[in-house]
Amino acid sequence: MSMGTSVLSLRIDGELLDRLRDHAAKRGMSVQDYVIRTLIRDDFDERFQTAVDETEKFYGVT
């Protein structure tokens, strides 16, 4: 398996970006570093699935 790098591009609204900037600044990090650190957390998969489940419930998908 190759361990090269890839580029991930995200389109997010201004309010969310401001929130990410605030969280990153509190930790002395860039937004990019903060997002990467969040993605590699051990509990990310579980937290992501919970968010997806809650979103589906909210919109009545399930």
PDB file of N, CA and C in Angstrom:
ATOM      1  N   MET A   1       0.840  -1.178   0.000  1.00  0.00           N
ATOM      2  CA  MET A   1       0.000   0.000   0.000  1.00  0.00           C
ATOM      3  C   MET A   1       0.883   1.238   0.000  1.00  0.00           C
ATOM      4  N   SER A   2       0.600   2.162  -0.871  1.00  0.00           N
ATOM      5  CA  SER A   2       1.362   3.401  -0.968  1.00  0.00           C
ATOM      6  C   SER A   2       0.910   4.375   0.114  1.00  0.00           C
ATOM      7  N   MET A   3       1.864   5.045   0.706  1.00  0.00           N
ATOM      8  CA  MET A   3       1.547   6.025   1.752  1.00  0.00           C
ATOM      9  C   MET A   3       1.786   7.443   1.250  1.00  0.00           C
ATOM     10  N   GLY A   4       1.457   7.707  -0.005  1.00  0.00           N
ATOM     11  CA  GLY A   4       1.621   9.038  -0.578  1.00  0.00           C
ATOM     12  C   GLY A   4       0.643  10.014   0.035  1.00  0.00           C
ATOM     13  N   THR A   5       0.635  11.214  -0.474  1.00  0.00           N
ATOM     14  CA  THR A   5      -0.283  12.226   0.021  1.00  0.00           C
ATOM     15  C   THR A   5      -1.322  12.551  -1.033  1.00  0.00           C
ATOM     16  N   SER A   6      -2.426  13.087  -0.582  1.00  0.00           N
ATOM     17  CA  SER A   6      -3.515  13.522  -1.450  1.00  0.00           C
ATOM     18  C   SER A   6      -4.009  14.867  -0.962  1.00  0.00           C
ATOM     19  N   VAL A   7      -4.761  15.543  -1.793  1.00  0.00           N
ATOM     20  CA  VAL A   7      -5.339  16.834  -1.435  1.00  0.00           C
ATOM     21  C   VAL A   7      -6.834  16.639  -1.222  1.00  0.00           C
ATOM     22  N   LEU A   8      -7.347  17.201  -0.136  1.00  0.00           N
ATOM     23  CA  LEU A   8      -8.769  17.189   0.160  1.00  0.00           C
ATOM     24  C   LEU A   8      -9.238  18.634   0.165  1.00  0.00           C
ATOM     25  N   SER A   9     -10.215  18.935  -0.656  1.00  0.00           N
ATOM     26  CA  SER A   9     -10.744  20.289  -0.742  1.00  0.00           C
ATOM     27  C   SER A   9     -12.152  20.293  -0.158  1.00  0.00           C
ATOM     28  N   LEU A  10     -12.430  21.250   0.707  1.00  0.00           N
ATOM     29  CA  LEU A  10     -13.739  21.345   1.346  1.00  0.00           C
ATOM     30  C   LEU A  10     -14.371  22.699   1.057  1.00  0.00           C
ATOM     31  N   ARG A  11     -15.661  22.695   0.875  1.00  0.00           N
ATOM     32  CA  ARG A  11     -16.410  23.938   0.753  1.00  0.00           C
ATOM     33  C   ARG A  11     -17.300  24.020   1.991  1.00  0.00           C
ATOM     34  N   ILE A  12     -17.048  25.016   2.830  1.00  0.00           N
ATOM     35  CA  ILE A  12     -17.834  25.185   4.050  1.00  0.00           C
ATOM     36  C   ILE A  12     -18.283  26.630   4.159  1.00  0.00           C
ATOM     37  N   ASP A  13     -19.358  26.831   4.905  1.00  0.00           N
ATOM     38  CA  ASP A  13     -19.869  28.197   5.022  1.00  0.00           C
ATOM     39  C   ASP A  13     -19.013  29.012   5.987  1.00  0.00           C
ATOM     40  N   GLY A  14     -19.141  30.310   5.906  1.00  0.00           N
ATOM     41  CA  GLY A  14     -18.326  31.228   6.688  1.00  0.00           C
ATOM     42  C   GLY A  14     -18.459  31.047   8.178  1.00  0.00           C
ATOM     43  N   GLU A  15     -19.668  30.772   8.657  1.00  0.00           N
ATOM     44  CA  GLU A  15     -19.893  30.600  10.094  1.00  0.00           C
ATOM     45  C   GLU A  15     -19.120  29.391  10.622  1.00  0.00           C
ATOM     46  N   LEU A  16     -19.165  28.294   9.894  1.00  0.00           N
ATOM     47  CA  LEU A  16     -18.434  27.103  10.318  1.00  0.00           C
ATOM     48  C   LEU A  16     -16.928  27.354  10.278  1.00  0.00           C
ATOM     49  N   LEU A  17     -16.451  28.035   9.251  1.00  0.00           N
ATOM     50  CA  LEU A  17     -15.028  28.341   9.169  1.00  0.00           C
ATOM     51  C   LEU A  17     -14.595  29.217  10.345  1.00  0.00           C
ATOM     52  N   ASP A  18     -15.421  30.182  10.713  1.00  0.00           N
ATOM     53  CA  ASP A  18     -15.108  31.020  11.874  1.00  0.00           C
ATOM     54  C   ASP A  18     -15.012  30.182  13.142  1.00  0.00           C
ATOM     55  N   ARG A  19     -15.922  29.238  13.299  1.00  0.00           N
ATOM     56  CA  ARG A  19     -15.888  28.356  14.474  1.00  0.00           C
ATOM     57  C   ARG A  19     -14.626  27.507  14.473  1.00  0.00           C
ATOM     58  N   LEU A  20     -14.260  26.980  13.297  1.00  0.00           N
ATOM     59  CA  LEU A  20     -13.026  26.194  13.208  1.00  0.00           C
ATOM     60  C   LEU A  20     -11.811  27.049  13.539  1.00  0.00           C
ATOM     61  N   ARG A  21     -11.787  28.288  13.051  1.00  0.00           N
ATOM     62  CA  ARG A  21     -10.679  29.200  13.360  1.00  0.00           C
ATOM     63  C   ARG A  21     -10.567  29.438  14.863  1.00  0.00           C
ATOM     64  N   ASP A  22     -11.717  29.636  15.512  1.00  0.00           N
ATOM     65  CA  ASP A  22     -11.717  29.871  16.956  1.00  0.00           C
ATOM     66  C   ASP A  22     -11.171  28.660  17.713  1.00  0.00           C
ATOM     67  N   HIS A  23     -11.648  27.469  17.364  1.00  0.00           N
ATOM     68  CA  HIS A  23     -11.180  26.245  18.027  1.00  0.00           C
ATOM     69  C   HIS A  23      -9.680  26.049  17.799  1.00  0.00           C
ATOM     70  N   ALA A  24      -9.246  26.271  16.569  1.00  0.00           N
ATOM     71  CA  ALA A  24      -7.822  26.100  16.250  1.00  0.00           C
ATOM     72  C   ALA A  24      -6.969  27.120  16.996  1.00  0.00           C
ATOM     73  N   ALA A  25      -7.414  28.362  17.028  1.00  0.00           N
ATOM     74  CA  ALA A  25      -6.646  29.420  17.694  1.00  0.00           C
ATOM     75  C   ALA A  25      -6.488  29.136  19.184  1.00  0.00           C
ATOM     76  N   LYS A  26      -7.529  28.597  19.811  1.00  0.00           N
ATOM     77  CA  LYS A  26      -7.448  28.266  21.239  1.00  0.00           C
ATOM     78  C   LYS A  26      -6.357  27.238  21.508  1.00  0.00           C
ATOM     79  N   ARG A  27      -6.030  26.450  20.504  1.00  0.00           N
ATOM     80  CA  ARG A  27      -5.014  25.408  20.647  1.00  0.00           C
ATOM     81  C   ARG A  27      -3.690  25.807  19.993  1.00  0.00           C
ATOM     82  N   GLY A  28      -3.632  27.042  19.481  1.00  0.00           N
ATOM     83  CA  GLY A  28      -2.421  27.519  18.839  1.00  0.00           C
ATOM     84  C   GLY A  28      -2.110  26.779  17.550  1.00  0.00           C
ATOM     85  N   MET A  29      -3.152  26.403  16.817  1.00  0.00           N
ATOM     86  CA  MET A  29      -2.989  25.605  15.602  1.00  0.00           C
ATOM     87  C   MET A  29      -3.584  26.334  14.409  1.00  0.00           C
ATOM     88  N   SER A  30      -3.178  25.919  13.212  1.00  0.00           N
ATOM     89  CA  SER A  30      -3.845  26.390  12.003  1.00  0.00           C
ATOM     90  C   SER A  30      -5.148  25.605  11.844  1.00  0.00           C
ATOM     91  N   VAL A  31      -6.037  26.129  11.039  1.00  0.00           N
ATOM     92  CA  VAL A  31      -7.304  25.421  10.777  1.00  0.00           C
ATOM     93  C   VAL A  31      -7.013  24.055  10.156  1.00  0.00           C
ATOM     94  N   GLN A  32      -6.070  24.013   9.217  1.00  0.00           N
ATOM     95  CA  GLN A  32      -5.742  22.749   8.560  1.00  0.00           C
ATOM     96  C   GLN A  32      -5.240  21.724   9.570  1.00  0.00           C
ATOM     97  N   ASP A  33      -4.324  22.137  10.449  1.00  0.00           N
ATOM     98  CA  ASP A  33      -3.806  21.211  11.457  1.00  0.00           C
ATOM     99  C   ASP A  33      -4.897  20.753  12.416  1.00  0.00           C
ATOM    100  N   TYR A  34      -5.778  21.685  12.791  1.00  0.00           N
ATOM    101  CA  TYR A  34      -6.873  21.337  13.701  1.00  0.00           C
ATOM    102  C   TYR A  34      -7.795  20.298  13.067  1.00  0.00           C
ATOM    103  N   VAL A  35      -8.145  20.491  11.804  1.00  0.00           N
ATOM    104  CA  VAL A  35      -9.037  19.544  11.116  1.00  0.00           C
ATOM    105  C   VAL A  35      -8.371  18.181  10.999  1.00  0.00           C
ATOM    106  N   ILE A  36      -7.100  18.152  10.610  1.00  0.00           N
ATOM    107  CA  ILE A  36      -6.395  16.875  10.490  1.00  0.00           C
ATOM    108  C   ILE A  36      -6.321  16.180  11.835  1.00  0.00           C
ATOM    109  N   ARG A  37      -5.991  16.930  12.867  1.00  0.00           N
ATOM    110  CA  ARG A  37      -5.905  16.331  14.209  1.00  0.00           C
ATOM    111  C   ARG A  37      -7.258  15.742  14.626  1.00  0.00           C
ATOM    112  N   THR A  38      -8.330  16.440  14.291  1.00  0.00           N
ATOM    113  CA  THR A  38      -9.676  15.951  14.612  1.00  0.00           C
ATOM    114  C   THR A  38      -9.981  14.668  13.849  1.00  0.00           C
ATOM    115  N   LEU A  39      -9.593  14.617  12.585  1.00  0.00           N
ATOM    116  CA  LEU A  39      -9.863  13.436  11.767  1.00  0.00           C
ATOM    117  C   LEU A  39      -9.097  12.197  12.230  1.00  0.00           C
ATOM    118  N   ILE A  40      -7.922  12.384  12.812  1.00  0.00           N
ATOM    119  CA  ILE A  40      -7.128  11.220  13.214  1.00  0.00           C
ATOM    120  C   ILE A  40      -7.380  10.798  14.658  1.00  0.00           C
ATOM    121  N   ARG A  41      -8.276  11.481  15.343  1.00  0.00           N
ATOM    122  CA  ARG A  41      -8.603  11.067  16.717  1.00  0.00           C
ATOM    123  C   ARG A  41      -9.154   9.652  16.706  1.00  0.00           C
ATOM    124  N   ASP A  42      -8.855   8.928  17.755  1.00  0.00           N
ATOM    125  CA  ASP A  42      -9.299   7.537  17.858  1.00  0.00           C
ATOM    126  C   ASP A  42     -10.811   7.385  17.797  1.00  0.00           C
ATOM    127  N   ASP A  43     -11.533   8.353  18.331  1.00  0.00           N
ATOM    128  CA  ASP A  43     -12.989   8.234  18.377  1.00  0.00           C
ATOM    129  C   ASP A  43     -13.689   8.907  17.205  1.00  0.00           C
ATOM    130  N   PHE A  44     -12.942   9.330  16.177  1.00  0.00           N
ATOM    131  CA  PHE A  44     -13.563  10.053  15.067  1.00  0.00           C
ATOM    132  C   PHE A  44     -14.642   9.225  14.375  1.00  0.00           C
ATOM    133  N   ASP A  45     -14.345   7.961  14.055  1.00  0.00           N
ATOM    134  CA  ASP A  45     -15.322   7.135  13.339  1.00  0.00           C
ATOM    135  C   ASP A  45     -16.634   7.031  14.107  1.00  0.00           C
ATOM    136  N   GLU A  46     -16.536   6.824  15.403  1.00  0.00           N
ATOM    137  CA  GLU A  46     -17.739   6.707  16.234  1.00  0.00           C
ATOM    138  C   GLU A  46     -18.500   8.030  16.278  1.00  0.00           C
ATOM    139  N   ARG A  47     -17.781   9.117  16.469  1.00  0.00           N
ATOM    140  CA  ARG A  47     -18.427  10.432  16.521  1.00  0.00           C
ATOM    141  C   ARG A  47     -19.049  10.792  15.173  1.00  0.00           C
ATOM    142  N   PHE A  48     -18.373  10.454  14.070  1.00  0.00           N
ATOM    143  CA  PHE A  48     -18.890  10.744  12.741  1.00  0.00           C
ATOM    144  C   PHE A  48     -20.175   9.958  12.494  1.00  0.00           C
ATOM    145  N   GLN A  49     -20.186   8.683  12.837  1.00  0.00           N
ATOM    146  CA  GLN A  49     -21.382   7.862  12.635  1.00  0.00           C
ATOM    147  C   GLN A  49     -22.549   8.389  13.468  1.00  0.00           C
ATOM    148  N   THR A  50     -22.269   8.808  14.685  1.00  0.00           N
ATOM    149  CA  THR A  50     -23.320   9.383  15.526  1.00  0.00           C
ATOM    150  C   THR A  50     -23.891  10.646  14.883  1.00  0.00           C
ATOM    151  N   ALA A  51     -23.023  11.495  14.331  1.00  0.00           N
ATOM    152  CA  ALA A  51     -23.484  12.721  13.665  1.00  0.00           C
ATOM    153  C   ALA A  51     -24.336  12.393  12.444  1.00  0.00           C
ATOM    154  N   VAL A  52     -23.915  11.390  11.670  1.00  0.00           N
ATOM    155  CA  VAL A  52     -24.697  10.974  10.495  1.00  0.00           C
ATOM    156  C   VAL A  52     -26.062  10.458  10.939  1.00  0.00           C
ATOM    157  N   ASP A  53     -26.089   9.624  11.956  1.00  0.00           N
ATOM    158  CA  ASP A  53     -27.360   9.079  12.465  1.00  0.00           C
ATOM    159  C   ASP A  53     -28.291  10.190  12.931  1.00  0.00           C
ATOM    160  N   GLU A  54     -27.751  11.148  13.679  1.00  0.00           N
ATOM    161  CA  GLU A  54     -28.571  12.253  14.175  1.00  0.00           C
ATOM    162  C   GLU A  54     -29.091  13.122  13.029  1.00  0.00           C
ATOM    163  N   THR A  55     -28.263  13.355  12.028  1.00  0.00           N
ATOM    164  CA  THR A  55     -28.686  14.144  10.865  1.00  0.00           C
ATOM    165  C   THR A  55     -29.806  13.431  10.119  1.00  0.00           C
ATOM    166  N   GLU A  56     -29.663  12.120   9.938  1.00  0.00           N
ATOM    167  CA  GLU A  56     -30.704  11.354   9.254  1.00  0.00           C
ATOM    168  C   GLU A  56     -32.004  11.368  10.038  1.00  0.00           C
ATOM    169  N   LYS A  57     -31.912  11.268  11.353  1.00  0.00           N
ATOM    170  CA  LYS A  57     -33.127  11.348  12.180  1.00  0.00           C
ATOM    171  C   LYS A  57     -33.786  12.715  12.025  1.00  0.00           C
ATOM    172  N   PHE A  58     -32.966  13.771  12.062  1.00  0.00           N
ATOM    173  CA  PHE A  58     -33.483  15.131  11.950  1.00  0.00           C
ATOM    174  C   PHE A  58     -34.235  15.330  10.644  1.00  0.00           C
ATOM    175  N   TYR A  59     -33.686  14.814   9.552  1.00  0.00           N
ATOM    176  CA  TYR A  59     -34.311  14.993   8.243  1.00  0.00           C
ATOM    177  C   TYR A  59     -35.299  13.877   7.897  1.00  0.00           C
ATOM    178  N   GLY A  60     -35.482  12.932   8.814  1.00  0.00           N
ATOM    179  CA  GLY A  60     -36.452  11.859   8.583  1.00  0.00           C
ATOM    180  C   GLY A  60     -36.030  10.858   7.529  1.00  0.00           C
ATOM    181  N   VAL A  61     -34.717  10.663   7.365  1.00  0.00           N
ATOM    182  CA  VAL A  61     -34.210   9.746   6.350  1.00  0.00           C
ATOM    183  C   VAL A  61     -34.348   8.310   6.817  1.00  0.00           C
ATOM    184  N   THR A  62     -34.194   8.077   8.109  1.00  0.00           N
ATOM    185  CA  THR A  62     -34.253   6.686   8.622  1.00  0.00           C
ATOM    186  C   THR A  62     -35.636   6.300   9.021  1.00  0.00           C
TER     187      THR A  62
END
